């Protein structure tokens, strides 16, 4: 990563933090003194970084202009005509599945090829591929000393976008939660917990005052790693498939774990200390019936759940959270319970049954996640409904790195590839024993 890229990422994070700070205080006159000091300090940092970025961009522009200079051995002769470079044909052994569309003028095939070449040159250390990357504007340097990400190669921004998109495609957490960039390993976001109250007053009576109240949502980036094995035969003709498969494997592994933490995290080391939505809801009170955000189902078996149970869940969802609300459940649960109830309701033609039901239920979209329960159990939160952006925050450090070992599986002639990322999840609003929050759920009976 170049110094300019580092500055741009840092600048983007500071701007996002500044926007979040002002969004939390629509009325600037209510900003607390300590927060105002933070905002002013951050503003000075932004101004300094903008100046540094401008200087670096000017230097990069001069460098780019210098690279176009040419020298003729015989000044008296005319310069040779510029011959357009032939179009590169990217050979592949299968259709690209993970890189989509055209980005910055580069096709999916080209981006997969470039990612494969970057991996072979930067991570594997192939000198020919490294030289190709250098000639084609792809950074192949290892992570610099003094960072928190030693021991790998930071994936260049041009590929990070594709992998981020893939994680959102494979995973549900990034689709439904509020995702915020983290410019450092910690981030604190103000959260309003109470607003102003209006009162009727009589003539010459004192007006009762009220204040907006605030607390904080804290995010601490946690390191997640995934290890995959790859054949040591990195054939040049298969470079597109290598790049495409590697991007897909990494994105799928990370999104799977992110979803497990987001929905099923119990605060243990298995989930990086993250407590997910289902645990947060269940932990509101030891007695299920006291939890305003949970509707107890008619029975403990999926076959005993009735349509009225889902209506009960909807009735618990506050009005402010209904716009943008979605159901979250596993495909198994959707097909065996809600979808079955829809078909049984009647009014379906042969064509309707042949085409299958739409992925909606009682007016809300259904988002399927296979980390949600697929097998019935007592006191199990089997379905969720809500506007998850209001109740949870996903902090994305947006730094993905790759490292390689040829010794780990030496006897099997395989390369061990390790990918790491940093993120955190804070589920901060699930209601209480007196009021439901923006996320509610259906829980099976205890027996």
Protein backbone atom coordinates (compact mmCIF):
# COMPACT_ATOMS: atom_id res chain seq x y z
CA UNK A 1 0.00 0.00 0.00
CA UNK A 2 1.41 3.41 -0.98
CA UNK A 3 1.62 6.31 1.43
CA UNK A 4 -1.06 8.10 -0.60
CA UNK A 5 -3.43 5.14 -0.25
CA UNK A 6 -2.81 5.02 3.52
CA UNK A 7 -3.56 8.74 3.82
CA UNK A 8 -6.75 8.41 1.75
CA UNK A 9 -8.02 5.52 3.91
CA UNK A 10 -7.23 7.46 7.09
CA UNK A 11 -8.92 10.57 5.68
CA UNK A 12 -12.02 8.60 4.72
CA UNK A 13 -12.27 7.19 8.24
CA UNK A 14 -11.94 10.61 9.87
CA UNK A 15 -14.61 12.10 7.61
CA UNK A 16 -16.97 9.21 8.42
CA UNK A 17 -16.37 9.71 12.15
CA UNK A 18 -16.97 13.45 11.80
CA UNK A 19 -20.24 12.86 9.94
CA UNK A 20 -21.38 10.34 12.58
CA UNK A 21 -20.60 12.85 15.34
CA UNK A 22 -22.70 15.60 13.72
CA UNK A 23 -25.50 13.16 12.81
CA UNK A 24 -25.77 12.33 16.51
CA UNK A 25 -26.35 16.00 17.36
CA UNK A 26 -28.71 17.56 14.78
CA UNK A 27 -28.88 20.64 16.97
CA UNK A 28 -25.23 21.74 17.25
CA UNK A 29 -25.99 23.83 20.33
CA UNK A 30 -26.53 20.61 22.29
CA UNK A 31 -23.08 19.13 21.58
CA UNK A 32 -21.34 18.46 24.93
CA UNK A 33 -18.06 20.29 25.54
CA UNK A 34 -15.92 17.14 25.46
CA UNK A 35 -17.48 16.01 22.17
CA UNK A 36 -16.98 19.48 20.71
CA UNK A 37 -13.30 19.29 21.60
CA UNK A 38 -13.07 15.92 19.82
CA UNK A 39 -14.82 17.33 16.75
CA UNK A 40 -12.51 20.34 16.60
CA UNK A 41 -9.43 18.15 16.98
CA UNK A 42 -10.68 15.80 14.29
CA UNK A 43 -11.33 18.75 11.99
CA UNK A 44 -7.71 19.84 12.37
CA UNK A 45 -6.57 16.30 11.54
CA UNK A 46 -8.76 16.29 8.42
CA UNK A 47 -7.32 19.65 7.26
CA UNK A 48 -3.75 18.38 7.79
CA UNK A 49 -4.44 15.12 5.96
CA UNK A 50 -6.12 16.93 3.05
CA UNK A 51 -3.01 19.07 2.66
CA UNK A 52 -0.75 16.00 2.75
CA UNK A 53 -2.96 14.14 0.26
CA UNK A 54 -2.91 17.11 -2.11
CA UNK A 55 0.89 17.20 -2.03
CA UNK A 56 1.18 13.46 -2.61
CA UNK A 57 -1.32 13.62 -5.49
CA UNK A 58 0.73 16.39 -7.11
CA UNK A 59 3.87 14.27 -6.80
CA UNK A 60 2.04 11.24 -8.25
CA UNK A 61 0.86 13.42 -11.16
CA UNK A 62 4.44 14.54 -11.82
CA UNK A 63 5.60 10.93 -11.67
CA UNK A 64 2.89 9.90 -14.12
CA UNK A 65 3.83 12.72 -16.50
CA UNK A 66 7.52 11.80 -16.30
CA UNK A 67 6.76 8.22 -17.25
CA UNK A 68 5.43 9.43 -20.62
CA UNK A 69 8.64 11.27 -21.56
CA UNK A 70 10.57 9.71 -24.48
CA UNK A 71 14.09 10.35 -25.79
CA UNK A 72 15.09 9.96 -29.42
CA UNK A 73 18.68 8.98 -30.27
CA UNK A 74 18.46 11.09 -33.45
CA UNK A 75 16.65 14.37 -32.65
CA UNK A 76 16.45 15.28 -36.31
CA UNK A 77 14.12 12.39 -37.06
CA UNK A 78 10.42 12.42 -36.31
CA UNK A 79 9.14 10.52 -33.30
CA UNK A 80 7.86 7.09 -34.04
CA UNK A 81 4.11 6.79 -34.33
CA UNK A 82 2.45 5.49 -31.17
CA UNK A 83 1.26 1.95 -31.74
CA UNK A 84 -1.71 0.97 -29.59
CA UNK A 85 -1.02 -1.96 -27.28
CA UNK A 86 -2.84 -5.11 -28.40
CA UNK A 87 -5.85 -6.10 -26.33
CA UNK A 88 -5.01 -8.76 -23.75
CA UNK A 89 -6.89 -12.01 -24.03
CA UNK A 90 -7.40 -13.58 -20.63
CA UNK A 91 -7.49 -17.36 -20.91
CA UNK A 92 -9.58 -19.20 -18.34
CA UNK A 93 -10.66 -22.76 -17.65
CA UNK A 94 -14.11 -21.93 -16.27
CA UNK A 95 -16.61 -19.09 -16.04
CA UNK A 96 -15.83 -16.36 -13.52
CA UNK A 97 -18.29 -16.64 -10.61
CA UNK A 98 -17.17 -14.14 -8.01
CA UNK A 99 -15.98 -11.05 -9.87
CA UNK A 100 -18.99 -9.29 -11.37
CA UNK A 101 -19.50 -6.68 -14.10
CA UNK A 102 -17.07 -3.96 -15.11
CA UNK A 103 -15.34 -1.78 -12.51
CA UNK A 104 -13.11 1.19 -13.42
CA UNK A 105 -13.06 0.01 -17.03
CA UNK A 106 -11.87 -3.51 -16.11
CA UNK A 107 -13.97 -6.58 -16.88
CA UNK A 108 -14.61 -9.38 -14.40
CA UNK A 109 -12.10 -11.61 -16.24
CA UNK A 110 -9.41 -8.92 -16.12
CA UNK A 111 -9.93 -8.17 -12.42
CA UNK A 112 -9.82 -11.89 -11.55
CA UNK A 113 -6.63 -12.23 -13.62
CA UNK A 114 -5.05 -9.19 -11.92
CA UNK A 115 -5.95 -10.55 -8.49
CA UNK A 116 -4.42 -13.91 -9.37
CA UNK A 117 -1.24 -12.23 -10.64
CA UNK A 118 -1.05 -10.05 -7.52
CA UNK A 119 -1.39 -13.13 -5.32
CA UNK A 120 1.27 -15.03 -7.24
CA UNK A 121 3.64 -12.05 -7.32
CA UNK A 122 3.13 -10.48 -3.87
CA UNK A 123 2.17 -13.41 -1.65
CA UNK A 124 3.80 -16.41 -3.39
CA UNK A 125 6.83 -14.37 -4.43
CA UNK A 126 6.96 -15.26 -8.13
CA UNK A 127 9.31 -12.67 -9.65
CA UNK A 128 7.79 -12.71 -13.14
CA UNK A 129 4.31 -12.06 -11.72
CA UNK A 130 5.71 -9.38 -9.40
CA UNK A 131 7.30 -7.62 -12.37
CA UNK A 132 4.01 -7.84 -14.27
CA UNK A 133 2.21 -6.25 -11.32
CA UNK A 134 4.78 -3.46 -11.09
CA UNK A 135 4.34 -2.75 -14.80
CA UNK A 136 0.55 -2.73 -14.48
CA UNK A 137 0.19 -0.49 -11.43
CA UNK A 138 -0.48 -3.16 -8.79
CA UNK A 139 1.23 -2.64 -5.43
CA UNK A 140 3.13 -5.78 -4.29
CA UNK A 141 5.05 -4.52 -1.27
CA UNK A 142 4.67 -6.25 2.08
CA UNK A 143 2.99 -4.45 4.94
CA UNK A 144 5.27 -1.79 6.37
CA UNK A 145 6.81 -2.01 9.82
CA UNK A 146 5.05 -0.18 12.60
CA UNK A 147 1.53 -1.27 11.57
CA UNK A 148 -0.78 -3.67 13.39
CA UNK A 149 -0.91 -6.05 10.42
CA UNK A 150 2.62 -7.46 10.18
CA UNK A 151 3.07 -10.87 8.61
CA UNK A 152 1.06 -10.51 5.42
CA UNK A 153 0.29 -8.53 2.30
CA UNK A 154 -2.48 -5.97 2.34
CA UNK A 155 -4.95 -6.61 -0.48
CA UNK A 156 -4.86 -3.54 -2.79
CA UNK A 157 -8.00 -1.33 -2.81
CA UNK A 158 -8.95 -2.33 -6.37
CA UNK A 159 -9.55 -5.91 -5.17
CA UNK A 160 -10.88 -5.04 -1.70
CA UNK A 161 -14.06 -3.62 -3.24
CA UNK A 162 -14.85 -6.92 -4.97
CA UNK A 163 -14.23 -8.93 -1.80
CA UNK A 164 -16.36 -6.53 0.28
CA UNK A 165 -19.18 -6.95 -2.26
CA UNK A 166 -18.79 -10.73 -2.07
CA UNK A 167 -19.00 -10.71 1.73
CA UNK A 168 -22.26 -8.78 1.47
CA UNK A 169 -23.52 -11.29 -1.13
CA UNK A 170 -22.63 -14.40 0.87
CA UNK A 171 -23.42 -12.98 4.31
CA UNK A 172 -26.53 -11.45 5.88
CA UNK A 173 -25.01 -9.41 8.71
CA UNK A 174 -23.50 -6.84 6.35
CA UNK A 175 -26.80 -6.60 4.47
CA UNK A 176 -29.00 -5.79 7.45
CA UNK A 177 -26.81 -4.14 10.10
CA UNK A 178 -25.62 -0.55 10.12
CA UNK A 179 -22.07 -0.81 8.71
CA UNK A 180 -19.61 1.92 9.69
CA UNK A 181 -15.95 2.24 8.62
CA UNK A 182 -13.31 2.16 11.36
CA UNK A 183 -10.24 4.31 10.72
CA UNK A 184 -8.55 2.73 13.75
CA UNK A 185 -9.03 -0.37 15.88
CA UNK A 186 -11.46 1.45 18.19
CA UNK A 187 -14.48 3.62 17.45
CA UNK A 188 -17.01 5.31 19.73
CA UNK A 189 -20.35 6.42 18.27
CA UNK A 190 -22.79 8.63 20.24
CA UNK A 191 -26.28 7.18 20.57
CA UNK A 192 -29.35 9.12 21.65
CA UNK A 193 -31.29 7.31 24.39
CA UNK A 194 -33.96 9.93 25.12
CA UNK A 195 -35.48 13.04 23.57
CA UNK A 196 -37.25 16.21 24.62
CA UNK A 197 -40.70 16.08 26.21
CA UNK A 198 -43.44 18.65 25.55
CA UNK A 199 -45.72 19.75 28.41
CA UNK A 200 -48.92 21.78 28.63
CA UNK A 201 -48.46 24.88 30.76
CA UNK A 202 -50.82 27.40 32.29
CA UNK A 203 -50.53 31.16 32.23
CA UNK A 204 -47.49 32.46 34.15
CA UNK A 205 -46.52 28.88 35.01
CA UNK A 206 -42.97 27.57 34.93
CA UNK A 207 -42.20 25.43 31.88
CA UNK A 208 -40.86 22.02 32.79
CA UNK A 209 -37.49 21.51 31.15
CA UNK A 210 -36.22 18.28 29.59
CA UNK A 211 -32.99 17.19 27.97
CA UNK A 212 -31.89 14.78 25.30
CA UNK A 213 -29.87 11.96 26.82
CA UNK A 214 -26.99 10.10 25.21
CA UNK A 215 -24.76 7.11 25.68
CA UNK A 216 -22.11 5.49 23.49
CA UNK A 217 -21.76 2.53 21.16
CA UNK A 218 -18.20 1.18 21.44
CA UNK A 219 -16.51 -0.87 18.74
CA UNK A 220 -13.16 -2.63 19.15
CA UNK A 221 -11.87 -4.34 15.99
CA UNK A 222 -11.24 -8.05 16.42
CA UNK A 223 -8.91 -10.07 14.21
CA UNK A 224 -10.52 -12.88 12.22
CA UNK A 225 -8.39 -15.35 10.27
CA UNK A 226 -9.16 -18.05 7.72
CA UNK A 227 -6.77 -20.71 6.41
CA UNK A 228 -7.11 -22.49 3.08
CA UNK A 229 -4.91 -24.93 1.18
CA UNK A 230 -3.93 -24.49 -2.45
CA UNK A 231 -2.03 -26.56 -4.97
CA UNK A 232 1.56 -25.38 -5.44
CA UNK A 233 1.01 -25.67 -9.21
CA UNK A 234 -0.10 -22.12 -9.98
CA UNK A 235 -0.52 -22.55 -13.72
CA UNK A 236 -0.46 -19.30 -15.69
CA UNK A 237 -3.35 -20.49 -17.89
CA UNK A 238 -5.50 -20.91 -14.78
CA UNK A 239 -4.72 -17.47 -13.32
CA UNK A 240 -8.28 -16.17 -13.74
CA UNK A 241 -9.73 -19.22 -12.01
CA UNK A 242 -7.12 -18.95 -9.23
CA UNK A 243 -7.97 -15.30 -8.58
CA UNK A 244 -11.72 -15.90 -8.81
CA UNK A 245 -11.71 -18.98 -6.57
CA UNK A 246 -9.41 -17.41 -3.98
CA UNK A 247 -11.57 -14.29 -3.69
CA UNK A 248 -14.69 -16.44 -3.29
CA UNK A 249 -13.16 -18.77 -0.68
CA UNK A 250 -11.93 -15.88 1.47
CA UNK A 251 -15.17 -13.89 1.21
CA UNK A 252 -17.33 -16.94 2.02
CA UNK A 253 -15.25 -17.92 5.07
CA UNK A 254 -15.33 -14.41 6.50
CA UNK A 255 -19.02 -13.80 5.82
CA UNK A 256 -19.95 -17.14 7.40
CA UNK A 257 -18.15 -16.30 10.62
CA UNK A 258 -19.48 -12.72 10.62
CA UNK A 259 -23.03 -14.08 10.42
CA UNK A 260 -22.40 -16.60 13.19
CA UNK A 261 -21.11 -13.80 15.44
CA UNK A 262 -23.93 -11.43 14.48
CA UNK A 263 -26.83 -13.84 15.08
CA UNK A 264 -25.45 -16.54 17.42
CA UNK A 265 -22.55 -14.94 19.29
CA UNK A 266 -22.63 -15.67 23.03
CA UNK A 267 -19.75 -13.47 24.16
CA UNK A 268 -17.23 -16.34 24.32
CA UNK A 269 -13.90 -16.60 22.50
CA UNK A 270 -15.57 -18.76 19.83
CA UNK A 271 -17.24 -15.58 18.63
CA UNK A 272 -14.40 -13.17 19.42
CA UNK A 273 -16.23 -11.95 22.53
CA UNK A 274 -19.19 -10.76 20.41
CA UNK A 275 -22.73 -11.19 21.73
CA UNK A 276 -25.18 -11.57 18.84
CA UNK A 277 -28.81 -10.66 18.31
CA UNK A 278 -30.38 -13.89 19.56
CA UNK A 279 -28.32 -13.97 22.75
CA UNK A 280 -28.93 -10.28 23.44
CA UNK A 281 -32.69 -10.80 23.14
CA UNK A 282 -32.68 -13.90 25.32
CA UNK A 283 -30.48 -12.26 27.98
CA UNK A 284 -32.91 -9.39 28.62
CA UNK A 285 -34.49 -11.43 31.45
CA UNK A 286 -34.23 -14.95 32.83
CA UNK A 287 -38.00 -15.33 32.42
CA UNK A 288 -38.92 -15.44 28.73
CA UNK A 289 -42.43 -14.10 29.29
CA UNK A 290 -40.98 -10.88 30.73
CA UNK A 291 -39.04 -10.04 27.56
CA UNK A 292 -41.12 -7.56 25.56
CA UNK A 293 -39.19 -8.25 22.36
CA UNK A 294 -40.02 -11.98 22.29
CA UNK A 295 -43.28 -13.67 21.34
CA UNK A 296 -43.60 -17.16 22.87
CA UNK A 297 -44.87 -19.64 20.29
CA UNK A 298 -47.88 -21.89 20.84
CA UNK A 299 -45.63 -24.94 21.24
CA UNK A 300 -42.02 -26.07 21.35
CA UNK A 301 -42.17 -27.93 18.00
CA UNK A 302 -42.13 -26.21 14.61
CA UNK A 303 -45.30 -28.10 13.67
CA UNK A 304 -47.12 -26.46 16.59
CA UNK A 305 -46.37 -22.89 15.52
CA UNK A 306 -49.45 -21.11 14.17
CA UNK A 307 -50.02 -17.98 12.09
CA UNK A 308 -51.15 -16.09 15.18
CA UNK A 309 -47.67 -16.51 16.69
CA UNK A 310 -46.17 -14.50 13.83
CA UNK A 311 -48.87 -11.86 14.15
CA UNK A 312 -47.84 -11.62 17.80
CA UNK A 313 -44.24 -10.95 16.74
CA UNK A 314 -45.39 -8.20 14.38
CA UNK A 315 -47.50 -6.66 17.12
CA UNK A 316 -44.42 -6.29 19.30
CA UNK A 317 -42.39 -4.40 16.70
CA UNK A 318 -42.47 -0.63 17.42
CA UNK A 319 -43.88 1.61 14.69
CA UNK A 320 -40.58 3.46 14.17
CA UNK A 321 -38.84 0.19 13.24
CA UNK A 322 -41.38 -1.06 10.71
CA UNK A 323 -40.13 0.91 7.74
CA UNK A 324 -37.28 -1.19 6.35
CA UNK A 325 -38.00 -4.17 8.61
CA UNK A 326 -37.26 -7.73 7.40
CA UNK A 327 -37.73 -11.25 8.68
CA UNK A 328 -34.56 -13.30 9.32
CA UNK A 329 -34.81 -17.09 9.42
CA UNK A 330 -33.20 -20.18 7.95
CA UNK A 331 -34.40 -21.61 4.65
CA UNK A 332 -35.42 -24.79 6.45
CA UNK A 333 -37.59 -22.92 8.94
CA UNK A 334 -39.12 -20.70 6.23
CA UNK A 335 -40.09 -23.67 4.05
CA UNK A 336 -41.46 -25.81 6.89
CA UNK A 337 -43.35 -23.13 8.83
CA UNK A 338 -44.17 -19.69 7.27
CA UNK A 339 -44.26 -20.92 3.67
CA UNK A 340 -46.36 -23.92 4.69
CA UNK A 341 -48.79 -21.62 6.53
CA UNK A 342 -49.07 -19.40 3.44
CA UNK A 343 -49.94 -22.34 1.18
CA UNK A 344 -52.40 -23.74 3.72
CA UNK A 345 -54.21 -20.39 3.92
CA UNK A 346 -55.98 -21.17 0.64
CA UNK A 347 -56.64 -19.09 -2.47
CA UNK A 348 -53.71 -20.69 -4.33
CA UNK A 349 -53.98 -21.91 -7.89
CA UNK A 350 -52.07 -24.82 -9.41
CA UNK A 351 -49.77 -22.25 -11.05
CA UNK A 352 -49.11 -20.54 -7.71
CA UNK A 353 -48.10 -23.82 -6.12
CA UNK A 354 -45.96 -24.78 -9.12
CA UNK A 355 -44.13 -21.45 -9.08
CA UNK A 356 -43.58 -21.51 -5.32
CA UNK A 357 -44.27 -18.77 -2.81
CA UNK A 358 -42.65 -15.37 -2.89
CA UNK A 359 -39.96 -14.72 -0.29
CA UNK A 360 -42.20 -12.43 1.75
CA UNK A 361 -44.29 -13.09 4.81
CA UNK A 362 -47.10 -10.96 6.27
CA UNK A 363 -45.99 -7.95 4.26
CA UNK A 364 -42.26 -8.02 5.07
CA UNK A 365 -39.35 -9.40 3.00
CA UNK A 366 -37.75 -12.63 4.22
CA UNK A 367 -33.94 -12.78 4.33
CA UNK A 368 -32.60 -16.31 4.64
CA UNK A 369 -29.55 -17.14 6.76
CA UNK A 370 -28.34 -20.66 7.34
CA UNK A 371 -26.76 -19.75 10.66
CA UNK A 372 -30.29 -19.36 12.03
CA UNK A 373 -31.80 -22.52 13.58
CA UNK A 374 -32.72 -25.40 11.28
CA UNK A 375 -33.66 -27.96 13.93
CA UNK A 376 -36.38 -27.33 16.52
CA UNK A 377 -35.55 -27.04 20.20
CA UNK A 378 -37.13 -25.79 23.43
CA UNK A 379 -36.86 -22.03 24.14
CA UNK A 380 -35.26 -21.40 20.76
CA UNK A 381 -35.39 -18.03 19.00
CA UNK A 382 -36.17 -19.35 15.52
CA UNK A 383 -37.19 -16.17 13.67
CA UNK A 384 -36.36 -12.47 13.94
CA UNK A 385 -38.16 -9.37 12.66
CA UNK A 386 -36.98 -5.79 12.72
CA UNK A 387 -35.00 -2.91 11.33
CA UNK A 388 -31.58 -4.23 12.27
CA UNK A 389 -29.81 -0.98 11.39
CA UNK A 390 -31.54 0.66 14.33
CA UNK A 391 -30.47 -2.03 16.77
CA UNK A 392 -26.96 -3.05 15.71
CA UNK A 393 -23.72 -1.62 14.38
CA UNK A 394 -21.11 -3.47 12.34
CA UNK A 395 -17.66 -1.86 12.53
CA UNK A 396 -15.57 -2.62 9.43
CA UNK A 397 -11.81 -2.01 9.70
CA UNK A 398 -11.65 -2.72 5.93
CA UNK A 399 -8.10 -4.07 6.02
CA UNK A 400 -7.79 -7.53 4.44
CA UNK A 401 -4.38 -9.16 4.29
CA UNK A 402 -3.06 -12.45 2.92
CA UNK A 403 -0.01 -14.48 3.94
CA UNK A 404 1.39 -17.79 2.68
CA UNK A 405 3.37 -20.74 3.99
CA UNK A 406 4.92 -23.45 1.79
CA UNK A 407 6.15 -25.45 4.82
CA UNK A 408 2.82 -26.14 6.57
CA UNK A 409 1.74 -28.79 4.01
CA UNK A 410 5.13 -29.43 2.41
CA UNK A 411 4.65 -33.22 2.16
CA UNK A 412 1.33 -32.77 0.33
CA UNK A 413 2.85 -30.20 -2.08
CA UNK A 414 0.29 -27.62 -1.02
CA UNK A 415 0.42 -23.95 -0.09
CA UNK A 416 -1.27 -22.73 3.09
CA UNK A 417 -2.95 -19.36 2.54
CA UNK A 418 -4.05 -17.29 5.53
CA UNK A 419 -6.45 -14.38 5.20
CA UNK A 420 -7.15 -11.93 8.03
CA UNK A 421 -9.62 -9.09 8.55
CA UNK A 422 -10.67 -6.89 11.48
CA UNK A 423 -14.24 -6.07 12.50
CA UNK A 424 -16.57 -5.76 15.47
CA UNK A 425 -20.31 -6.06 16.07
CA UNK A 426 -22.31 -4.29 18.77
CA UNK A 427 -25.97 -5.25 19.19
CA UNK A 428 -27.09 -2.32 21.31
CA UNK A 429 -30.91 -2.09 21.09
CA UNK A 430 -33.15 -5.12 21.68
CA UNK A 431 -35.60 -3.62 24.15
CA UNK A 432 -36.18 -4.48 27.79
CA UNK A 433 -38.80 -5.93 30.13
CA UNK A 434 -40.89 -2.78 29.72
CA UNK A 435 -40.64 -2.02 25.99
CA UNK A 436 -39.64 -3.85 22.81
CA UNK A 437 -36.77 -2.54 20.70
CA UNK A 438 -36.28 -2.35 16.91
CA UNK A 439 -35.52 -6.10 16.77
CA UNK A 440 -38.07 -8.65 17.97
CA UNK A 441 -38.36 -12.41 17.65
CA UNK A 442 -40.32 -15.63 17.92
CA UNK A 443 -39.19 -18.11 20.58
CA UNK A 444 -40.49 -21.66 20.94
CA UNK A 445 -42.11 -22.72 24.18
CA UNK A 446 -40.01 -24.13 27.00
CA UNK A 447 -41.79 -27.50 26.80
